[in-house]
């Protein structure tokens, strides 16, 4: 069982997310956008910090309603950067506002965020990363990979022996379509980040430091590939 699947059950912060959200397919625009924003906010930090501040961020960012965030101006940016309930990072806040405007554009081109994801699925993880980088801001490889796994577009959210894995599969996540895809696409989708991707990812993610490299959620202090997960604090926090 993966590290996250071991520590999350019964954990006061991780349990509900692991058991009811992580890996389950969702289509609501606000839910998809919130998940992308949370992944952006995590860059350089632990997932536990993000979950602890989730309620505060949801309130500060207007419930992650795309149209409301897309209308934010300078006063809203100043308000957010002064709000201790969120992760106060100027680059991340600016990316979230810009990405809300991009999601608005996806309504015209693809019928919405979910339609855009569906139109490009299935594809290999490196191709997803390139697509996100061409479309959104602050979307490096680790952010994109976790976003897609968290919503079932890529497999790997739960270990096969995790009790939640069967529930996720019963919900028919989009990654099941990989079974009908060419073998090369399936193999690449399961691959970890390609050699050399981490450098580009750091720049795209605001150079805030490394995220998870195992493809699985990690908790503060948990070891990944034999090395302790590095806990870093954003400069503005």
C-alpha atoms as a PDB file:
ATOM      1  CA  UNK A   1       0.000   0.000   0.000  1.00  0.00           C
ATOM      2  CA  UNK A   2       1.289   3.473  -0.845  1.00  0.00           C
ATOM      3  CA  UNK A   3       2.421   5.858   1.875  1.00  0.00           C
ATOM      4  CA  UNK A   4      -0.582   8.140   1.507  1.00  0.00           C
ATOM      5  CA  UNK A   5      -3.011   5.211   1.593  1.00  0.00           C
ATOM      6  CA  UNK A   6      -1.352   4.093   4.830  1.00  0.00           C
ATOM      7  CA  UNK A   7      -1.371   7.380   6.716  1.00  0.00           C
ATOM      8  CA  UNK A   8      -4.616   8.944   5.471  1.00  0.00           C
ATOM      9  CA  UNK A   9      -7.258   6.572   6.937  1.00  0.00           C
ATOM     10  CA  UNK A  10      -8.333   7.979  10.291  1.00  0.00           C
ATOM     11  CA  UNK A  11      -6.044  11.002   9.977  1.00  0.00           C
ATOM     12  CA  UNK A  12      -7.776  14.204  11.204  1.00  0.00           C
ATOM     13  CA  UNK A  13      -6.740  16.150   8.092  1.00  0.00           C
ATOM     14  CA  UNK A  14      -6.265  13.615   5.298  1.00  0.00           C
ATOM     15  CA  UNK A  15      -8.985  11.035   5.937  1.00  0.00           C
ATOM     16  CA  UNK A  16     -11.982  12.608   4.184  1.00  0.00           C
ATOM     17  CA  UNK A  17     -10.025  13.795   1.166  1.00  0.00           C
ATOM     18  CA  UNK A  18      -8.436  10.377   0.704  1.00  0.00           C
ATOM     19  CA  UNK A  19     -11.685   8.456   1.199  1.00  0.00           C
ATOM     20  CA  UNK A  20     -14.173  10.638  -0.678  1.00  0.00           C
ATOM     21  CA  UNK A  21     -12.335  12.860  -3.182  1.00  0.00           C
ATOM     22  CA  UNK A  22      -8.891  11.664  -4.216  1.00  0.00           C
ATOM     23  CA  UNK A  23      -9.157   9.788  -7.516  1.00  0.00           C
ATOM     24  CA  UNK A  24     -12.943  10.080  -7.836  1.00  0.00           C
ATOM     25  CA  UNK A  25     -14.231  11.595 -11.096  1.00  0.00           C
ATOM     26  CA  UNK A  26     -15.951  14.977 -10.908  1.00  0.00           C
ATOM     27  CA  UNK A  27     -17.308  17.295 -13.606  1.00  0.00           C
ATOM     28  CA  UNK A  28     -18.582  20.381 -11.806  1.00  0.00           C
ATOM     29  CA  UNK A  29     -16.627  23.430 -12.973  1.00  0.00           C
ATOM     30  CA  UNK A  30     -16.105  24.889  -9.503  1.00  0.00           C
ATOM     31  CA  UNK A  31     -14.846  21.530  -8.205  1.00  0.00           C
ATOM     32  CA  UNK A  32     -12.419  21.095 -11.088  1.00  0.00           C
ATOM     33  CA  UNK A  33     -11.160  24.632 -10.730  1.00  0.00           C
ATOM     34  CA  UNK A  34     -10.775  24.366  -6.968  1.00  0.00           C
ATOM     35  CA  UNK A  35      -8.720  21.198  -7.384  1.00  0.00           C
ATOM     36  CA  UNK A  36      -6.415  22.915  -9.869  1.00  0.00           C
ATOM     37  CA  UNK A  37      -6.036  25.893  -7.536  1.00  0.00           C
ATOM     38  CA  UNK A  38      -5.240  23.683  -4.546  1.00  0.00           C
ATOM     39  CA  UNK A  39      -2.573  21.858  -6.522  1.00  0.00           C
ATOM     40  CA  UNK A  40      -1.056  25.191  -7.544  1.00  0.00           C
ATOM     41  CA  UNK A  41      -1.127  26.367  -3.951  1.00  0.00           C
ATOM     42  CA  UNK A  42       0.697  23.235  -2.801  1.00  0.00           C
ATOM     43  CA  UNK A  43       3.809  23.840  -4.918  1.00  0.00           C
ATOM     44  CA  UNK A  44       6.746  23.831  -2.486  1.00  0.00           C
ATOM     45  CA  UNK A  45       4.534  23.015   0.504  1.00  0.00           C
ATOM     46  CA  UNK A  46       2.903  19.946   2.047  1.00  0.00           C
ATOM     47  CA  UNK A  47      -0.574  18.764   1.098  1.00  0.00           C
ATOM     48  CA  UNK A  48      -1.537  18.903   4.756  1.00  0.00           C
ATOM     49  CA  UNK A  49      -0.993  22.668   4.837  1.00  0.00           C
ATOM     50  CA  UNK A  50      -3.261  23.023   1.811  1.00  0.00           C
ATOM     51  CA  UNK A  51      -6.032  20.919   3.342  1.00  0.00           C
ATOM     52  CA  UNK A  52      -5.826  22.833   6.619  1.00  0.00           C
ATOM     53  CA  UNK A  53      -6.274  26.123   4.769  1.00  0.00           C
ATOM     54  CA  UNK A  54      -8.802  24.857   2.264  1.00  0.00           C
ATOM     55  CA  UNK A  55     -11.831  26.376   3.984  1.00  0.00           C
ATOM     56  CA  UNK A  56     -10.090  29.728   4.270  1.00  0.00           C
ATOM     57  CA  UNK A  57      -9.079  29.654   0.616  1.00  0.00           C
ATOM     58  CA  UNK A  58     -12.566  28.659  -0.463  1.00  0.00           C
ATOM     59  CA  UNK A  59     -14.001  31.663   1.366  1.00  0.00           C
ATOM     60  CA  UNK A  60     -11.312  34.045   0.133  1.00  0.00           C
ATOM     61  CA  UNK A  61     -11.623  32.910  -3.485  1.00  0.00           C
ATOM     62  CA  UNK A  62     -15.415  33.224  -3.689  1.00  0.00           C
ATOM     63  CA  UNK A  63     -16.075  29.511  -3.436  1.00  0.00           C
ATOM     64  CA  UNK A  64     -13.838  28.998  -6.478  1.00  0.00           C
ATOM     65  CA  UNK A  65     -16.642  30.209  -8.732  1.00  0.00           C
ATOM     66  CA  UNK A  66     -14.824  30.868 -11.984  1.00  0.00           C
ATOM     67  CA  UNK A  67     -16.746  33.974 -13.075  1.00  0.00           C
ATOM     68  CA  UNK A  68     -16.254  35.713  -9.755  1.00  0.00           C
ATOM     69  CA  UNK A  69     -12.525  35.046  -9.674  1.00  0.00           C
ATOM     70  CA  UNK A  70     -12.101  36.036 -13.319  1.00  0.00           C
ATOM     71  CA  UNK A  71     -13.511  39.462 -12.420  1.00  0.00           C
ATOM     72  CA  UNK A  72     -10.938  40.084  -9.668  1.00  0.00           C
ATOM     73  CA  UNK A  73      -8.905  43.263  -9.934  1.00  0.00           C
ATOM     74  CA  UNK A  74      -6.029  44.888  -8.081  1.00  0.00           C
ATOM     75  CA  UNK A  75      -8.069  45.407  -4.905  1.00  0.00           C
ATOM     76  CA  UNK A  76      -8.935  41.709  -4.750  1.00  0.00           C
ATOM     77  CA  UNK A  77      -5.300  40.739  -5.246  1.00  0.00           C
ATOM     78  CA  UNK A  78      -4.292  43.019  -2.380  1.00  0.00           C
ATOM     79  CA  UNK A  79      -7.062  41.562  -0.222  1.00  0.00           C
ATOM     80  CA  UNK A  80      -5.910  38.013  -0.910  1.00  0.00           C
ATOM     81  CA  UNK A  81      -2.252  38.744  -0.220  1.00  0.00           C
ATOM     82  CA  UNK A  82      -3.238  40.240   3.140  1.00  0.00           C
ATOM     83  CA  UNK A  83      -5.425  37.276   4.129  1.00  0.00           C
ATOM     84  CA  UNK A  84      -3.651  34.926   6.597  1.00  0.00           C
ATOM     85  CA  UNK A  85      -6.263  32.216   5.957  1.00  0.00           C
ATOM     86  CA  UNK A  86      -4.777  31.430   2.547  1.00  0.00           C
ATOM     87  CA  UNK A  87      -1.317  30.638   1.181  1.00  0.00           C
ATOM     88  CA  UNK A  88      -0.106  34.110   0.348  1.00  0.00           C
ATOM     89  CA  UNK A  89       2.068  33.847  -2.709  1.00  0.00           C
ATOM     90  CA  UNK A  90       1.768  36.566  -5.351  1.00  0.00           C
ATOM     91  CA  UNK A  91       2.632  34.307  -8.293  1.00  0.00           C
ATOM     92  CA  UNK A  92       0.116  31.679  -7.245  1.00  0.00           C
ATOM     93  CA  UNK A  93      -2.674  34.207  -6.665  1.00  0.00           C
ATOM     94  CA  UNK A  94      -2.026  35.841 -10.044  1.00  0.00           C
ATOM     95  CA  UNK A  95      -2.050  32.429 -11.734  1.00  0.00           C
ATOM     96  CA  UNK A  96      -5.383  31.489 -10.185  1.00  0.00           C
ATOM     97  CA  UNK A  97      -7.014  34.689 -11.434  1.00  0.00           C
ATOM     98  CA  UNK A  98      -5.533  34.262 -14.914  1.00  0.00           C
ATOM     99  CA  UNK A  99      -6.564  30.603 -15.019  1.00  0.00           C
ATOM    100  CA  UNK A 100     -10.157  31.499 -14.160  1.00  0.00           C
ATOM    101  CA  UNK A 101     -10.226  33.637 -17.290  1.00  0.00           C
ATOM    102  CA  UNK A 102      -8.829  30.752 -19.325  1.00  0.00           C
ATOM    103  CA  UNK A 103     -11.576  28.455 -18.043  1.00  0.00           C
ATOM    104  CA  UNK A 104     -14.126  31.024 -19.207  1.00  0.00           C
ATOM    105  CA  UNK A 105     -12.607  30.783 -22.686  1.00  0.00           C
ATOM    106  CA  UNK A 106     -12.867  26.984 -22.594  1.00  0.00           C
ATOM    107  CA  UNK A 107     -16.648  27.306 -22.403  1.00  0.00           C
ATOM    108  CA  UNK A 108     -16.680  28.697 -25.930  1.00  0.00           C
ATOM    109  CA  UNK A 109     -14.159  26.265 -27.373  1.00  0.00           C
ATOM    110  CA  UNK A 110     -15.100  23.054 -25.528  1.00  0.00           C
ATOM    111  CA  UNK A 111     -18.263  23.704 -23.548  1.00  0.00           C
ATOM    112  CA  UNK A 112     -16.306  24.089 -20.310  1.00  0.00           C
ATOM    113  CA  UNK A 113     -13.392  22.755 -18.279  1.00  0.00           C
ATOM    114  CA  UNK A 114     -14.717  19.189 -18.179  1.00  0.00           C
ATOM    115  CA  UNK A 115     -15.340  19.216 -21.915  1.00  0.00           C
ATOM    116  CA  UNK A 116     -11.789  20.394 -22.523  1.00  0.00           C
ATOM    117  CA  UNK A 117     -10.396  17.573 -20.391  1.00  0.00           C
ATOM    118  CA  UNK A 118     -12.597  15.029 -22.156  1.00  0.00           C
ATOM    119  CA  UNK A 119     -11.570  16.305 -25.588  1.00  0.00           C
ATOM    120  CA  UNK A 120      -7.925  15.582 -24.833  1.00  0.00           C
ATOM    121  CA  UNK A 121      -8.335  12.283 -22.985  1.00  0.00           C
ATOM    122  CA  UNK A 122      -6.714   9.811 -23.035  1.00  0.00           C
ATOM    123  CA  UNK A 123      -3.150  10.945 -23.542  1.00  0.00           C
ATOM    124  CA  UNK A 124       0.234  10.277 -22.020  1.00  0.00           C
ATOM    125  CA  UNK A 125       1.270  12.271 -18.983  1.00  0.00           C
ATOM    126  CA  UNK A 126       4.040  14.254 -20.751  1.00  0.00           C
ATOM    127  CA  UNK A 127       1.498  15.311 -23.386  1.00  0.00           C
ATOM    128  CA  UNK A 128      -0.925  16.404 -20.663  1.00  0.00           C
ATOM    129  CA  UNK A 129       1.804  18.487 -19.064  1.00  0.00           C
ATOM    130  CA  UNK A 130       2.595  20.236 -22.326  1.00  0.00           C
ATOM    131  CA  UNK A 131      -1.089  20.908 -22.950  1.00  0.00           C
ATOM    132  CA  UNK A 132      -1.580  22.423 -19.489  1.00  0.00           C
ATOM    133  CA  UNK A 133       1.544  24.546 -19.801  1.00  0.00           C
ATOM    134  CA  UNK A 134       0.278  25.864 -23.136  1.00  0.00           C
ATOM    135  CA  UNK A 135      -3.158  26.620 -21.673  1.00  0.00           C
ATOM    136  CA  UNK A 136      -2.788  27.628 -18.029  1.00  0.00           C
ATOM    137  CA  UNK A 137      -0.306  29.394 -15.785  1.00  0.00           C
ATOM    138  CA  UNK A 138       1.772  27.833 -12.973  1.00  0.00           C
ATOM    139  CA  UNK A 139       1.116  24.283 -14.159  1.00  0.00           C
ATOM    140  CA  UNK A 140       4.316  22.254 -14.018  1.00  0.00           C
ATOM    141  CA  UNK A 141       4.574  18.495 -14.249  1.00  0.00           C
ATOM    142  CA  UNK A 142       3.838  17.617 -10.627  1.00  0.00           C
ATOM    143  CA  UNK A 143       0.862  19.975 -10.407  1.00  0.00           C
ATOM    144  CA  UNK A 144      -0.630  18.565 -13.601  1.00  0.00           C
ATOM    145  CA  UNK A 145       0.016  14.955 -12.636  1.00  0.00           C
ATOM    146  CA  UNK A 146      -1.608  15.268  -9.213  1.00  0.00           C
ATOM    147  CA  UNK A 147      -4.541  17.253 -10.617  1.00  0.00           C
ATOM    148  CA  UNK A 148      -5.256  14.566 -13.211  1.00  0.00           C
ATOM    149  CA  UNK A 149      -4.811  11.691 -10.738  1.00  0.00           C
ATOM    150  CA  UNK A 150      -7.039  13.396  -8.184  1.00  0.00           C
ATOM    151  CA  UNK A 151      -9.900  13.477 -10.717  1.00  0.00           C
ATOM    152  CA  UNK A 152      -9.323  10.068 -12.267  1.00  0.00           C
ATOM    153  CA  UNK A 153      -7.856  11.167 -15.598  1.00  0.00           C
ATOM    154  CA  UNK A 154      -4.634   9.361 -14.729  1.00  0.00           C
ATOM    155  CA  UNK A 155      -4.355   6.204 -12.605  1.00  0.00           C
ATOM    156  CA  UNK A 156      -2.313   5.904  -9.441  1.00  0.00           C
ATOM    157  CA  UNK A 157      -4.194   7.860  -6.772  1.00  0.00           C
ATOM    158  CA  UNK A 158      -4.621   4.745  -4.629  1.00  0.00           C
ATOM    159  CA  UNK A 159      -2.570   1.608  -4.210  1.00  0.00           C
ATOM    160  CA  UNK A 160      -4.255  -1.569  -5.507  1.00  0.00           C
ATOM    161  CA  UNK A 161      -4.617  -2.904  -1.946  1.00  0.00           C
ATOM    162  CA  UNK A 162      -6.184   0.310  -0.633  1.00  0.00           C
ATOM    163  CA  UNK A 163      -9.888  -0.225   0.191  1.00  0.00           C
ATOM    164  CA  UNK A 164     -10.753   3.038  -1.584  1.00  0.00           C
ATOM    165  CA  UNK A 165      -9.278   1.820  -4.886  1.00  0.00           C
ATOM    166  CA  UNK A 166     -12.277  -0.434  -5.603  1.00  0.00           C
ATOM    167  CA  UNK A 167     -14.698   2.414  -4.909  1.00  0.00           C
ATOM    168  CA  UNK A 168     -12.821   4.700  -7.264  1.00  0.00           C
ATOM    169  CA  UNK A 169     -12.879   2.119 -10.035  1.00  0.00           C
ATOM    170  CA  UNK A 170     -16.602   1.533  -9.493  1.00  0.00           C
ATOM    171  CA  UNK A 171     -17.137   5.255 -10.121  1.00  0.00           C
ATOM    172  CA  UNK A 172     -15.742   4.739 -13.659  1.00  0.00           C
ATOM    173  CA  UNK A 173     -12.842   7.203 -13.648  1.00  0.00           C
ATOM    174  CA  UNK A 174     -11.706   8.373 -17.091  1.00  0.00           C
ATOM    175  CA  UNK A 175      -8.388   6.514 -16.821  1.00  0.00           C
ATOM    176  CA  UNK A 176     -10.274   3.311 -17.587  1.00  0.00           C
ATOM    177  CA  UNK A 177     -10.276   4.501 -21.198  1.00  0.00           C
ATOM    178  CA  UNK A 178      -6.517   3.878 -21.209  1.00  0.00           C
ATOM    179  CA  UNK A 179      -7.279   0.177 -21.462  1.00  0.00           C
ATOM    180  CA  UNK A 180      -8.566   0.789 -24.980  1.00  0.00           C
ATOM    181  CA  UNK A 181      -5.672   3.067 -25.910  1.00  0.00           C
ATOM    182  CA  UNK A 182      -2.475   1.966 -27.720  1.00  0.00           C
ATOM    183  CA  UNK A 183      -0.036   0.119 -25.493  1.00  0.00           C
ATOM    184  CA  UNK A 184       2.538   2.893 -25.869  1.00  0.00           C
ATOM    185  CA  UNK A 185       0.083   5.461 -24.506  1.00  0.00           C
ATOM    186  CA  UNK A 186      -0.751   3.249 -21.547  1.00  0.00           C
ATOM    187  CA  UNK A 187       2.904   2.698 -20.696  1.00  0.00           C
ATOM    188  CA  UNK A 188       3.754   6.389 -20.952  1.00  0.00           C
ATOM    189  CA  UNK A 189       0.767   7.415 -18.855  1.00  0.00           C
ATOM    190  CA  UNK A 190       2.070   5.213 -16.051  1.00  0.00           C
ATOM    191  CA  UNK A 191       5.624   6.526 -16.354  1.00  0.00           C
ATOM    192  CA  UNK A 192       7.022   8.939 -13.744  1.00  0.00           C
ATOM    193  CA  UNK A 193       8.185  12.352 -14.872  1.00  0.00           C
ATOM    194  CA  UNK A 194      10.751  12.082 -17.644  1.00  0.00           C
ATOM    195  CA  UNK A 195      14.408  12.763 -16.945  1.00  0.00           C
ATOM    196  CA  UNK A 196      15.038  16.460 -17.063  1.00  0.00           C
ATOM    197  CA  UNK A 197      11.398  17.392 -16.521  1.00  0.00           C
ATOM    198  CA  UNK A 198      11.996  18.423 -12.919  1.00  0.00           C
ATOM    199  CA  UNK A 199      14.058  21.430 -13.926  1.00  0.00           C
ATOM    200  CA  UNK A 200      11.384  22.775 -16.252  1.00  0.00           C
ATOM    201  CA  UNK A 201       8.752  21.935 -13.689  1.00  0.00           C
ATOM    202  CA  UNK A 202      10.447  24.039 -11.019  1.00  0.00           C
ATOM    203  CA  UNK A 203      10.444  27.084 -13.259  1.00  0.00           C
ATOM    204  CA  UNK A 204       6.826  26.605 -14.279  1.00  0.00           C
ATOM    205  CA  UNK A 205       5.782  26.087 -10.674  1.00  0.00           C
ATOM    206  CA  UNK A 206       7.299  29.318  -9.485  1.00  0.00           C
ATOM    207  CA  UNK A 207      10.647  27.819  -8.424  1.00  0.00           C
ATOM    208  CA  UNK A 208       9.125  27.142  -5.031  1.00  0.00           C
ATOM    209  CA  UNK A 209      10.855  23.819  -4.596  1.00  0.00           C
ATOM    210  CA  UNK A 210      10.267  20.127  -5.311  1.00  0.00           C
ATOM    211  CA  UNK A 211       6.899  18.446  -5.001  1.00  0.00           C
ATOM    212  CA  UNK A 212       6.158  14.763  -4.666  1.00  0.00           C
ATOM    213  CA  UNK A 213       8.194  12.536  -6.961  1.00  0.00           C
ATOM    214  CA  UNK A 214       6.529   9.215  -6.207  1.00  0.00           C
ATOM    215  CA  UNK A 215       3.261   9.947  -7.997  1.00  0.00           C
ATOM    216  CA  UNK A 216       1.450   9.460  -4.713  1.00  0.00           C
ATOM    217  CA  UNK A 217       0.284  11.834  -2.023  1.00  0.00           C
ATOM    218  CA  UNK A 218       2.760  12.274   0.799  1.00  0.00           C
ATOM    219  CA  UNK A 219       2.322  13.605   4.286  1.00  0.00           C
ATOM    220  CA  UNK A 220       4.708  15.862   6.202  1.00  0.00           C
ATOM    221  CA  UNK A 221       7.844  13.930   7.148  1.00  0.00           C
ATOM    222  CA  UNK A 222       6.869  10.871   5.110  1.00  0.00           C
ATOM    223  CA  UNK A 223       9.721   9.294   3.167  1.00  0.00           C
ATOM    224  CA  UNK A 224       9.625   9.032  -0.616  1.00  0.00           C
ATOM    225  CA  UNK A 225      12.150   6.853  -2.470  1.00  0.00           C
ATOM    226  CA  UNK A 226      14.227   6.661   0.693  1.00  0.00           C
ATOM    227  CA  UNK A 227      14.548  10.428   1.114  1.00  0.00           C
ATOM    228  CA  UNK A 228      12.559  12.626   3.492  1.00  0.00           C
ATOM    229  CA  UNK A 229      10.004  14.907   1.903  1.00  0.00           C
ATOM    230  CA  UNK A 230      11.340  18.445   2.059  1.00  0.00           C
ATOM    231  CA  UNK A 231       9.090  20.895   3.848  1.00  0.00           C
ATOM    232  CA  UNK A 232       9.513  24.446   2.649  1.00  0.00           C
ATOM    233  CA  UNK A 233       7.772  27.650   3.555  1.00  0.00           C
ATOM    234  CA  UNK A 234       6.722  30.101   0.862  1.00  0.00           C
ATOM    235  CA  UNK A 235       8.587  33.429   1.147  1.00  0.00           C
ATOM    236  CA  UNK A 236       5.388  35.379   1.772  1.00  0.00           C
ATOM    237  CA  UNK A 237       4.090  33.113   4.501  1.00  0.00           C
END
